[in-house]
């Protein structure tokens, strides 16, 4: 019994040692910054000097901050690219799931933007959207269409950013859908065809239920990622776009924190953003659980 007890304690020690690095990482790089930012949101901290407690003053100021509401609206607007990207990726995955020549080459081509540097991609699209010599307007000119100065027009800057974001993430989403489709046994489709099911019925009753878990994962992660979009507009529209029409909430937080040195105010916005992401994610999980229950 003594030997077993020592062995058990030894295994317990090794187990704790294995989980120690991620736990320390969580405490140092997640929990401590979160708690520090939470306290900072109740202060007038400028990022350098002393943190003076001012209560809910930062949150009250947010209620009358027009740029805060505009940045939130821009962030929501840019999320319109999420369903567009999911639909295009699913269609591509269904096409590449067929046994036709060249599918491997197309998978590589579609995935190249995913592994490319986001900063480099943003610079490339910045050139492409140029109103004078950009490739987008040169292409439109072939059809006799005079393209606008995409990033300098408040009506076109957000659609331009959406197109770039969809193009950037299309390969990753398509690959996940393709993996889900390839895990479906071919016998399901053969049985449905023998029963006389048409293409829409096959998609609705076989394909969609099989890719639904992947769709749930992609929706949640894309909403979280979309809420934190920053690099694209920081490079392509460094001033927030015409009439602040392309600034996301994270861009506004960064501007307040590091340009205006209003770190306490920026921390308050970060807390609001964190609550928003948490609530949206929780709602998605609840909807997914209800949908799974109804399906049963």
C-alpha atoms as a PDB file:
ATOM      1  CA  UNK A   1       0.000   0.000   0.000  1.00  0.00           C
ATOM      2  CA  UNK A   2       2.919   2.327   0.724  1.00  0.00           C
ATOM      3  CA  UNK A   3       4.273   1.753  -2.791  1.00  0.00           C
ATOM      4  CA  UNK A   4       0.907   2.537  -4.379  1.00  0.00           C
ATOM      5  CA  UNK A   5       0.559   5.667  -2.282  1.00  0.00           C
ATOM      6  CA  UNK A   6       3.957   6.925  -3.367  1.00  0.00           C
ATOM      7  CA  UNK A   7       3.234   6.103  -6.991  1.00  0.00           C
ATOM      8  CA  UNK A   8      -0.092   7.917  -6.777  1.00  0.00           C
ATOM      9  CA  UNK A   9       1.508  11.016  -5.283  1.00  0.00           C
ATOM     10  CA  UNK A  10       4.228  10.910  -7.935  1.00  0.00           C
ATOM     11  CA  UNK A  11       1.669  10.734 -10.725  1.00  0.00           C
ATOM     12  CA  UNK A  12      -0.261  13.600  -9.128  1.00  0.00           C
ATOM     13  CA  UNK A  13       2.914  15.694  -9.027  1.00  0.00           C
ATOM     14  CA  UNK A  14       3.697  14.993 -12.678  1.00  0.00           C
ATOM     15  CA  UNK A  15       0.109  15.829 -13.602  1.00  0.00           C
ATOM     16  CA  UNK A  16       0.284  19.198 -11.851  1.00  0.00           C
ATOM     17  CA  UNK A  17       3.640  19.928 -13.497  1.00  0.00           C
ATOM     18  CA  UNK A  18       2.149  19.232 -16.929  1.00  0.00           C
ATOM     19  CA  UNK A  19      -0.783  21.617 -16.411  1.00  0.00           C
ATOM     20  CA  UNK A  20       1.313  24.286 -14.672  1.00  0.00           C
ATOM     21  CA  UNK A  21       2.594  26.081 -17.848  1.00  0.00           C
ATOM     22  CA  UNK A  22      -0.867  26.695 -19.409  1.00  0.00           C
ATOM     23  CA  UNK A  23      -2.314  27.676 -16.021  1.00  0.00           C
ATOM     24  CA  UNK A  24       0.504  30.164 -15.453  1.00  0.00           C
ATOM     25  CA  UNK A  25       0.053  31.444 -19.003  1.00  0.00           C
ATOM     26  CA  UNK A  26      -3.669  31.953 -18.366  1.00  0.00           C
ATOM     27  CA  UNK A  27      -3.031  33.791 -15.101  1.00  0.00           C
ATOM     28  CA  UNK A  28      -0.184  35.994 -16.385  1.00  0.00           C
ATOM     29  CA  UNK A  29      -1.339  36.771 -19.925  1.00  0.00           C
ATOM     30  CA  UNK A  30      -5.145  36.632 -19.564  1.00  0.00           C
ATOM     31  CA  UNK A  31      -6.449  37.033 -16.021  1.00  0.00           C
ATOM     32  CA  UNK A  32      -3.966  39.637 -14.794  1.00  0.00           C
ATOM     33  CA  UNK A  33      -4.388  41.923 -17.853  1.00  0.00           C
ATOM     34  CA  UNK A  34      -8.171  41.492 -17.642  1.00  0.00           C
ATOM     35  CA  UNK A  35      -8.343  42.440 -13.951  1.00  0.00           C
ATOM     36  CA  UNK A  36      -5.877  45.305 -14.486  1.00  0.00           C
ATOM     37  CA  UNK A  37      -7.953  46.612 -17.392  1.00  0.00           C
ATOM     38  CA  UNK A  38     -11.156  46.185 -15.376  1.00  0.00           C
ATOM     39  CA  UNK A  39      -9.773  48.349 -12.606  1.00  0.00           C
ATOM     40  CA  UNK A  40      -8.340  50.799 -15.157  1.00  0.00           C
ATOM     41  CA  UNK A  41     -11.805  51.309 -16.637  1.00  0.00           C
ATOM     42  CA  UNK A  42     -12.818  53.004 -13.364  1.00  0.00           C
ATOM     43  CA  UNK A  43      -9.854  55.396 -13.414  1.00  0.00           C
ATOM     44  CA  UNK A  44      -8.556  58.349 -15.418  1.00  0.00           C
ATOM     45  CA  UNK A  45      -5.280  56.537 -16.173  1.00  0.00           C
ATOM     46  CA  UNK A  46      -3.297  57.895 -19.118  1.00  0.00           C
ATOM     47  CA  UNK A  47      -1.105  54.814 -19.435  1.00  0.00           C
ATOM     48  CA  UNK A  48       1.895  56.472 -17.797  1.00  0.00           C
ATOM     49  CA  UNK A  49       0.921  58.294 -14.624  1.00  0.00           C
ATOM     50  CA  UNK A  50      -1.052  57.433 -11.521  1.00  0.00           C
ATOM     51  CA  UNK A  51      -4.422  55.699 -11.719  1.00  0.00           C
ATOM     52  CA  UNK A  52      -7.032  57.900 -10.022  1.00  0.00           C
ATOM     53  CA  UNK A  53     -10.353  56.214  -9.263  1.00  0.00           C
ATOM     54  CA  UNK A  54     -13.270  58.089 -10.884  1.00  0.00           C
ATOM     55  CA  UNK A  55     -16.032  55.497 -10.584  1.00  0.00           C
ATOM     56  CA  UNK A  56     -18.418  55.116 -13.524  1.00  0.00           C
ATOM     57  CA  UNK A  57     -17.400  58.369 -15.224  1.00  0.00           C
ATOM     58  CA  UNK A  58     -15.841  56.601 -18.234  1.00  0.00           C
ATOM     59  CA  UNK A  59     -18.948  54.508 -18.812  1.00  0.00           C
ATOM     60  CA  UNK A  60     -21.179  57.594 -18.514  1.00  0.00           C
ATOM     61  CA  UNK A  61     -19.045  59.385 -21.111  1.00  0.00           C
ATOM     62  CA  UNK A  62     -19.493  56.427 -23.449  1.00  0.00           C
ATOM     63  CA  UNK A  63     -23.244  56.995 -23.484  1.00  0.00           C
ATOM     64  CA  UNK A  64     -22.736  60.392 -25.146  1.00  0.00           C
ATOM     65  CA  UNK A  65     -19.777  59.472 -27.371  1.00  0.00           C
ATOM     66  CA  UNK A  66     -20.968  59.577 -30.993  1.00  0.00           C
ATOM     67  CA  UNK A  67     -17.735  58.057 -32.304  1.00  0.00           C
ATOM     68  CA  UNK A  68     -18.183  55.068 -29.983  1.00  0.00           C
ATOM     69  CA  UNK A  69     -21.613  54.350 -31.469  1.00  0.00           C
ATOM     70  CA  UNK A  70     -20.288  54.892 -34.978  1.00  0.00           C
ATOM     71  CA  UNK A  71     -17.385  52.490 -34.403  1.00  0.00           C
ATOM     72  CA  UNK A  72     -19.799  49.881 -33.036  1.00  0.00           C
ATOM     73  CA  UNK A  73     -22.067  50.311 -36.062  1.00  0.00           C
ATOM     74  CA  UNK A  74     -19.090  49.938 -38.407  1.00  0.00           C
ATOM     75  CA  UNK A  75     -18.050  46.758 -36.597  1.00  0.00           C
ATOM     76  CA  UNK A  76     -21.547  45.270 -36.964  1.00  0.00           C
ATOM     77  CA  UNK A  77     -21.686  46.330 -40.611  1.00  0.00           C
ATOM     78  CA  UNK A  78     -18.381  44.620 -41.392  1.00  0.00           C
ATOM     79  CA  UNK A  79     -19.787  41.402 -39.914  1.00  0.00           C
ATOM     80  CA  UNK A  80     -22.121  41.183 -42.909  1.00  0.00           C
ATOM     81  CA  UNK A  81     -19.187  39.482 -44.566  1.00  0.00           C
ATOM     82  CA  UNK A  82     -19.563  36.486 -42.249  1.00  0.00           C
ATOM     83  CA  UNK A  83     -22.688  34.917 -43.866  1.00  0.00           C
ATOM     84  CA  UNK A  84     -21.363  35.845 -47.320  1.00  0.00           C
ATOM     85  CA  UNK A  85     -18.073  34.077 -46.612  1.00  0.00           C
ATOM     86  CA  UNK A  86     -19.808  31.017 -45.155  1.00  0.00           C
ATOM     87  CA  UNK A  87     -22.090  30.663 -48.175  1.00  0.00           C
ATOM     88  CA  UNK A  88     -19.268  31.036 -50.709  1.00  0.00           C
ATOM     89  CA  UNK A  89     -17.037  28.662 -48.785  1.00  0.00           C
ATOM     90  CA  UNK A  90     -19.758  26.012 -48.576  1.00  0.00           C
ATOM     91  CA  UNK A  91     -20.430  26.254 -52.321  1.00  0.00           C
ATOM     92  CA  UNK A  92     -16.697  25.958 -53.062  1.00  0.00           C
ATOM     93  CA  UNK A  93     -16.352  23.004 -50.706  1.00  0.00           C
ATOM     94  CA  UNK A  94     -19.259  21.222 -52.357  1.00  0.00           C
ATOM     95  CA  UNK A  95     -17.646  21.814 -55.754  1.00  0.00           C
ATOM     96  CA  UNK A  96     -14.205  20.642 -54.641  1.00  0.00           C
ATOM     97  CA  UNK A  97     -15.732  17.590 -52.974  1.00  0.00           C
ATOM     98  CA  UNK A  98     -16.497  16.141 -56.402  1.00  0.00           C
ATOM     99  CA  UNK A  99     -14.068  13.751 -58.042  1.00  0.00           C
ATOM    100  CA  UNK A 100     -12.831  16.016 -60.812  1.00  0.00           C
ATOM    101  CA  UNK A 101      -9.261  16.764 -61.934  1.00  0.00           C
ATOM    102  CA  UNK A 102      -7.428  19.720 -60.397  1.00  0.00           C
ATOM    103  CA  UNK A 103      -9.266  19.908 -57.062  1.00  0.00           C
ATOM    104  CA  UNK A 104      -6.017  19.666 -55.070  1.00  0.00           C
ATOM    105  CA  UNK A 105      -4.537  22.596 -56.992  1.00  0.00           C
ATOM    106  CA  UNK A 106      -7.602  24.733 -56.344  1.00  0.00           C
ATOM    107  CA  UNK A 107      -7.504  23.893 -52.630  1.00  0.00           C
ATOM    108  CA  UNK A 108      -3.936  25.199 -52.470  1.00  0.00           C
ATOM    109  CA  UNK A 109      -4.824  28.345 -54.425  1.00  0.00           C
ATOM    110  CA  UNK A 110      -7.775  29.169 -52.166  1.00  0.00           C
ATOM    111  CA  UNK A 111      -5.717  28.555 -49.011  1.00  0.00           C
ATOM    112  CA  UNK A 112      -2.755  30.781 -49.960  1.00  0.00           C
ATOM    113  CA  UNK A 113      -4.429  33.990 -48.663  1.00  0.00           C
ATOM    114  CA  UNK A 114      -5.035  32.308 -45.292  1.00  0.00           C
ATOM    115  CA  UNK A 115      -1.338  31.699 -44.645  1.00  0.00           C
ATOM    116  CA  UNK A 116      -0.311  35.080 -46.048  1.00  0.00           C
ATOM    117  CA  UNK A 117       0.566  37.941 -43.705  1.00  0.00           C
ATOM    118  CA  UNK A 118      -2.495  40.039 -42.904  1.00  0.00           C
ATOM    119  CA  UNK A 119      -0.403  43.208 -43.078  1.00  0.00           C
ATOM    120  CA  UNK A 120       0.957  42.248 -46.504  1.00  0.00           C
ATOM    121  CA  UNK A 121      -2.523  41.358 -47.753  1.00  0.00           C
ATOM    122  CA  UNK A 122      -3.874  44.694 -46.484  1.00  0.00           C
ATOM    123  CA  UNK A 123      -1.118  46.594 -48.306  1.00  0.00           C
ATOM    124  CA  UNK A 124      -1.816  44.630 -51.488  1.00  0.00           C
ATOM    125  CA  UNK A 125      -5.550  45.393 -51.365  1.00  0.00           C
ATOM    126  CA  UNK A 126      -4.767  49.020 -50.537  1.00  0.00           C
ATOM    127  CA  UNK A 127      -2.968  49.237 -53.880  1.00  0.00           C
ATOM    128  CA  UNK A 128      -5.724  47.306 -55.655  1.00  0.00           C
ATOM    129  CA  UNK A 129      -8.378  49.732 -54.388  1.00  0.00           C
ATOM    130  CA  UNK A 130      -6.461  52.856 -55.455  1.00  0.00           C
ATOM    131  CA  UNK A 131      -8.777  55.142 -57.413  1.00  0.00           C
ATOM    132  CA  UNK A 132      -6.158  56.093 -60.027  1.00  0.00           C
ATOM    133  CA  UNK A 133      -4.123  52.982 -60.816  1.00  0.00           C
ATOM    134  CA  UNK A 134      -5.730  50.192 -58.760  1.00  0.00           C
ATOM    135  CA  UNK A 135      -6.308  46.789 -60.328  1.00  0.00           C
ATOM    136  CA  UNK A 136      -9.968  46.766 -59.264  1.00  0.00           C
ATOM    137  CA  UNK A 137     -10.785  49.917 -61.230  1.00  0.00           C
ATOM    138  CA  UNK A 138      -8.652  48.759 -64.158  1.00  0.00           C
ATOM    139  CA  UNK A 139     -10.712  45.574 -64.280  1.00  0.00           C
ATOM    140  CA  UNK A 140     -13.987  47.523 -64.108  1.00  0.00           C
ATOM    141  CA  UNK A 141     -12.710  49.805 -66.870  1.00  0.00           C
ATOM    142  CA  UNK A 142     -12.632  46.794 -69.224  1.00  0.00           C
ATOM    143  CA  UNK A 143     -16.450  46.791 -69.022  1.00  0.00           C
ATOM    144  CA  UNK A 144     -16.760  50.547 -69.335  1.00  0.00           C
ATOM    145  CA  UNK A 145     -17.391  51.058 -65.617  1.00  0.00           C
ATOM    146  CA  UNK A 146     -15.690  53.950 -63.865  1.00  0.00           C
ATOM    147  CA  UNK A 147     -14.792  52.702 -60.411  1.00  0.00           C
ATOM    148  CA  UNK A 148     -14.709  54.978 -57.359  1.00  0.00           C
ATOM    149  CA  UNK A 149     -11.814  55.719 -55.050  1.00  0.00           C
ATOM    150  CA  UNK A 150     -12.869  52.824 -52.848  1.00  0.00           C
ATOM    151  CA  UNK A 151     -11.129  53.674 -49.591  1.00  0.00           C
ATOM    152  CA  UNK A 152     -11.728  57.427 -49.806  1.00  0.00           C
ATOM    153  CA  UNK A 153     -15.497  57.156 -50.267  1.00  0.00           C
ATOM    154  CA  UNK A 154     -17.688  56.615 -47.203  1.00  0.00           C
ATOM    155  CA  UNK A 155     -20.204  54.653 -49.300  1.00  0.00           C
ATOM    156  CA  UNK A 156     -17.680  52.135 -50.624  1.00  0.00           C
ATOM    157  CA  UNK A 157     -15.031  51.809 -47.913  1.00  0.00           C
ATOM    158  CA  UNK A 158     -16.944  49.279 -45.793  1.00  0.00           C
ATOM    159  CA  UNK A 159     -17.962  47.037 -48.745  1.00  0.00           C
ATOM    160  CA  UNK A 160     -14.323  47.164 -49.878  1.00  0.00           C
ATOM    161  CA  UNK A 161     -13.127  45.962 -46.469  1.00  0.00           C
ATOM    162  CA  UNK A 162     -15.792  43.221 -46.461  1.00  0.00           C
ATOM    163  CA  UNK A 163     -14.647  41.928 -49.864  1.00  0.00           C
ATOM    164  CA  UNK A 164     -11.048  41.815 -48.686  1.00  0.00           C
ATOM    165  CA  UNK A 165     -11.959  40.032 -45.422  1.00  0.00           C
ATOM    166  CA  UNK A 166     -14.096  37.440 -47.228  1.00  0.00           C
ATOM    167  CA  UNK A 167     -11.285  36.768 -49.718  1.00  0.00           C
ATOM    168  CA  UNK A 168      -8.747  36.431 -46.888  1.00  0.00           C
ATOM    169  CA  UNK A 169     -10.721  33.890 -44.849  1.00  0.00           C
ATOM    170  CA  UNK A 170     -12.408  31.966 -47.661  1.00  0.00           C
ATOM    171  CA  UNK A 171      -9.797  29.226 -47.880  1.00  0.00           C
ATOM    172  CA  UNK A 172      -9.863  28.380 -44.165  1.00  0.00           C
ATOM    173  CA  UNK A 173     -13.650  28.191 -44.042  1.00  0.00           C
ATOM    174  CA  UNK A 174     -13.765  26.184 -47.262  1.00  0.00           C
ATOM    175  CA  UNK A 175     -11.224  23.679 -45.915  1.00  0.00           C
ATOM    176  CA  UNK A 176     -13.260  23.040 -42.761  1.00  0.00           C
ATOM    177  CA  UNK A 177     -16.430  22.557 -44.783  1.00  0.00           C
ATOM    178  CA  UNK A 178     -14.587  20.249 -47.160  1.00  0.00           C
ATOM    179  CA  UNK A 179     -13.337  18.118 -44.264  1.00  0.00           C
ATOM    180  CA  UNK A 180     -16.901  17.874 -42.935  1.00  0.00           C
ATOM    181  CA  UNK A 181     -18.285  16.895 -46.350  1.00  0.00           C
ATOM    182  CA  UNK A 182     -15.640  14.238 -46.893  1.00  0.00           C
ATOM    183  CA  UNK A 183     -16.553  12.628 -43.578  1.00  0.00           C
ATOM    184  CA  UNK A 184     -20.090  11.928 -44.851  1.00  0.00           C
ATOM    185  CA  UNK A 185     -20.507   8.387 -46.091  1.00  0.00           C
ATOM    186  CA  UNK A 186     -21.340   8.170 -49.782  1.00  0.00           C
ATOM    187  CA  UNK A 187     -24.006   5.567 -49.009  1.00  0.00           C
ATOM    188  CA  UNK A 188     -26.314   8.284 -47.620  1.00  0.00           C
ATOM    189  CA  UNK A 189     -26.324  10.107 -50.947  1.00  0.00           C
ATOM    190  CA  UNK A 190     -26.762   6.877 -52.920  1.00  0.00           C
ATOM    191  CA  UNK A 191     -29.741   5.857 -50.775  1.00  0.00           C
ATOM    192  CA  UNK A 192     -31.320   9.304 -51.189  1.00  0.00           C
ATOM    193  CA  UNK A 193     -30.866   9.181 -54.971  1.00  0.00           C
ATOM    194  CA  UNK A 194     -32.457   5.731 -55.083  1.00  0.00           C
ATOM    195  CA  UNK A 195     -35.430   7.107 -53.144  1.00  0.00           C
ATOM    196  CA  UNK A 196     -35.838   9.818 -55.776  1.00  0.00           C
ATOM    197  CA  UNK A 197     -34.669  12.785 -53.680  1.00  0.00           C
ATOM    198  CA  UNK A 198     -33.740  15.892 -55.629  1.00  0.00           C
ATOM    199  CA  UNK A 199     -30.651  18.046 -55.063  1.00  0.00           C
ATOM    200  CA  UNK A 200     -32.318  20.442 -52.612  1.00  0.00           C
ATOM    201  CA  UNK A 201     -33.748  17.576 -50.533  1.00  0.00           C
ATOM    202  CA  UNK A 202     -30.346  15.898 -50.397  1.00  0.00           C
ATOM    203  CA  UNK A 203     -28.713  19.133 -49.268  1.00  0.00           C
ATOM    204  CA  UNK A 204     -31.394  19.850 -46.664  1.00  0.00           C
ATOM    205  CA  UNK A 205     -31.566  16.372 -45.122  1.00  0.00           C
ATOM    206  CA  UNK A 206     -27.991  15.094 -45.517  1.00  0.00           C
ATOM    207  CA  UNK A 207     -25.414  17.751 -46.347  1.00  0.00           C
ATOM    208  CA  UNK A 208     -26.642  20.561 -44.089  1.00  0.00           C
ATOM    209  CA  UNK A 209     -27.064  18.463 -40.900  1.00  0.00           C
ATOM    210  CA  UNK A 210     -23.557  17.077 -41.413  1.00  0.00           C
ATOM    211  CA  UNK A 211     -21.927  20.508 -41.782  1.00  0.00           C
ATOM    212  CA  UNK A 212     -24.048  22.200 -39.106  1.00  0.00           C
ATOM    213  CA  UNK A 213     -21.501  21.685 -36.262  1.00  0.00           C
ATOM    214  CA  UNK A 214     -18.784  23.215 -38.452  1.00  0.00           C
ATOM    215  CA  UNK A 215     -21.080  26.134 -39.269  1.00  0.00           C
ATOM    216  CA  UNK A 216     -21.704  26.726 -35.560  1.00  0.00           C
ATOM    217  CA  UNK A 217     -17.965  26.748 -34.865  1.00  0.00           C
ATOM    218  CA  UNK A 218     -17.297  29.127 -37.750  1.00  0.00           C
ATOM    219  CA  UNK A 219     -20.101  31.519 -36.797  1.00  0.00           C
ATOM    220  CA  UNK A 220     -18.864  31.790 -33.197  1.00  0.00           C
ATOM    221  CA  UNK A 221     -15.189  32.220 -34.104  1.00  0.00           C
ATOM    222  CA  UNK A 222     -15.960  34.640 -36.933  1.00  0.00           C
ATOM    223  CA  UNK A 223     -18.109  36.831 -34.689  1.00  0.00           C
ATOM    224  CA  UNK A 224     -15.357  36.890 -32.067  1.00  0.00           C
ATOM    225  CA  UNK A 225     -12.761  37.667 -34.733  1.00  0.00           C
ATOM    226  CA  UNK A 226     -14.996  40.207 -36.459  1.00  0.00           C
ATOM    227  CA  UNK A 227     -15.530  42.044 -33.179  1.00  0.00           C
ATOM    228  CA  UNK A 228     -11.772  42.498 -32.881  1.00  0.00           C
ATOM    229  CA  UNK A 229     -10.971  43.514 -36.466  1.00  0.00           C
ATOM    230  CA  UNK A 230      -8.200  46.114 -36.469  1.00  0.00           C
ATOM    231  CA  UNK A 231      -5.199  45.501 -38.724  1.00  0.00           C
ATOM    232  CA  UNK A 232      -7.038  45.980 -42.008  1.00  0.00           C
ATOM    233  CA  UNK A 233      -8.354  49.479 -41.325  1.00  0.00           C
ATOM    234  CA  UNK A 234      -5.220  50.519 -39.461  1.00  0.00           C
ATOM    235  CA  UNK A 235      -3.232  49.911 -42.665  1.00  0.00           C
ATOM    236  CA  UNK A 236      -5.806  50.679 -45.355  1.00  0.00           C
ATOM    237  CA  UNK A 237      -7.579  53.611 -43.649  1.00  0.00           C
ATOM    238  CA  UNK A 238      -5.209  54.794 -40.882  1.00  0.00           C
ATOM    239  CA  UNK A 239      -7.378  57.813 -40.028  1.00  0.00           C
ATOM    240  CA  UNK A 240     -10.563  55.768 -39.667  1.00  0.00           C
ATOM    241  CA  UNK A 241     -11.740  56.368 -43.209  1.00  0.00           C
ATOM    242  CA  UNK A 242     -13.814  59.288 -44.582  1.00  0.00           C
ATOM    243  CA  UNK A 243     -16.048  60.635 -41.799  1.00  0.00           C
ATOM    244  CA  UNK A 244     -14.806  57.808 -39.573  1.00  0.00           C
ATOM    245  CA  UNK A 245     -16.789  55.372 -41.715  1.00  0.00           C
ATOM    246  CA  UNK A 246     -14.369  52.441 -41.512  1.00  0.00           C
ATOM    247  CA  UNK A 247     -13.180  52.626 -37.892  1.00  0.00           C
ATOM    248  CA  UNK A 248     -13.966  49.500 -35.890  1.00  0.00           C
ATOM    249  CA  UNK A 249     -14.443  49.483 -32.134  1.00  0.00           C
ATOM    250  CA  UNK A 250     -10.966  48.037 -31.585  1.00  0.00           C
ATOM    251  CA  UNK A 251      -9.498  50.747 -33.832  1.00  0.00           C
ATOM    252  CA  UNK A 252     -11.253  53.373 -31.699  1.00  0.00           C
ATOM    253  CA  UNK A 253     -10.015  51.708 -28.500  1.00  0.00           C
ATOM    254  CA  UNK A 254      -6.458  51.704 -29.848  1.00  0.00           C
ATOM    255  CA  UNK A 255      -6.756  55.352 -30.900  1.00  0.00           C
ATOM    256  CA  UNK A 256      -8.026  56.452 -27.501  1.00  0.00           C
ATOM    257  CA  UNK A 257      -5.432  54.415 -25.620  1.00  0.00           C
ATOM    258  CA  UNK A 258      -2.256  55.110 -27.579  1.00  0.00           C
ATOM    259  CA  UNK A 259      -2.947  58.278 -29.579  1.00  0.00           C
ATOM    260  CA  UNK A 260      -4.977  60.244 -27.018  1.00  0.00           C
ATOM    261  CA  UNK A 261      -3.468  58.534 -23.943  1.00  0.00           C
ATOM    262  CA  UNK A 262      -6.927  57.906 -22.492  1.00  0.00           C
ATOM    263  CA  UNK A 263      -6.142  54.423 -21.269  1.00  0.00           C
ATOM    264  CA  UNK A 264      -8.898  54.379 -18.652  1.00  0.00           C
ATOM    265  CA  UNK A 265     -11.518  55.380 -21.212  1.00  0.00           C
ATOM    266  CA  UNK A 266     -10.190  52.781 -23.657  1.00  0.00           C
ATOM    267  CA  UNK A 267     -10.338  50.134 -20.920  1.00  0.00           C
ATOM    268  CA  UNK A 268     -14.002  50.944 -20.349  1.00  0.00           C
ATOM    269  CA  UNK A 269     -14.697  50.399 -24.051  1.00  0.00           C
ATOM    270  CA  UNK A 270     -12.724  47.153 -23.931  1.00  0.00           C
ATOM    271  CA  UNK A 271     -14.919  45.941 -21.063  1.00  0.00           C
ATOM    272  CA  UNK A 272     -18.057  46.756 -23.080  1.00  0.00           C
ATOM    273  CA  UNK A 273     -16.626  44.873 -26.054  1.00  0.00           C
ATOM    274  CA  UNK A 274     -15.744  41.901 -23.843  1.00  0.00           C
ATOM    275  CA  UNK A 275     -19.288  41.734 -22.464  1.00  0.00           C
ATOM    276  CA  UNK A 276     -20.690  41.949 -25.993  1.00  0.00           C
ATOM    277  CA  UNK A 277     -18.512  39.066 -27.224  1.00  0.00           C
ATOM    278  CA  UNK A 278     -19.413  36.978 -24.167  1.00  0.00           C
ATOM    279  CA  UNK A 279     -23.169  37.554 -24.592  1.00  0.00           C
ATOM    280  CA  UNK A 280     -23.125  36.843 -28.332  1.00  0.00           C
ATOM    281  CA  UNK A 281     -21.113  33.657 -27.802  1.00  0.00           C
ATOM    282  CA  UNK A 282     -23.434  32.525 -25.001  1.00  0.00           C
ATOM    283  CA  UNK A 283     -26.499  33.149 -27.188  1.00  0.00           C
ATOM    284  CA  UNK A 284     -24.927  31.139 -30.002  1.00  0.00           C
ATOM    285  CA  UNK A 285     -24.276  28.208 -27.680  1.00  0.00           C
ATOM    286  CA  UNK A 286     -27.835  28.327 -26.323  1.00  0.00           C
ATOM    287  CA  UNK A 287     -29.282  28.448 -29.833  1.00  0.00           C
ATOM    288  CA  UNK A 288     -27.096  25.531 -30.873  1.00  0.00           C
ATOM    289  CA  UNK A 289     -28.212  23.479 -27.856  1.00  0.00           C
ATOM    290  CA  UNK A 290     -31.878  24.242 -28.593  1.00  0.00           C
ATOM    291  CA  UNK A 291     -31.414  23.353 -32.241  1.00  0.00           C
ATOM    292  CA  UNK A 292     -29.736  20.048 -31.346  1.00  0.00           C
ATOM    293  CA  UNK A 293     -32.549  19.251 -28.897  1.00  0.00           C
ATOM    294  CA  UNK A 294     -35.231  20.036 -31.470  1.00  0.00           C
ATOM    295  CA  UNK A 295     -33.399  17.877 -33.976  1.00  0.00           C
ATOM    296  CA  UNK A 296     -33.527  14.952 -31.608  1.00  0.00           C
END
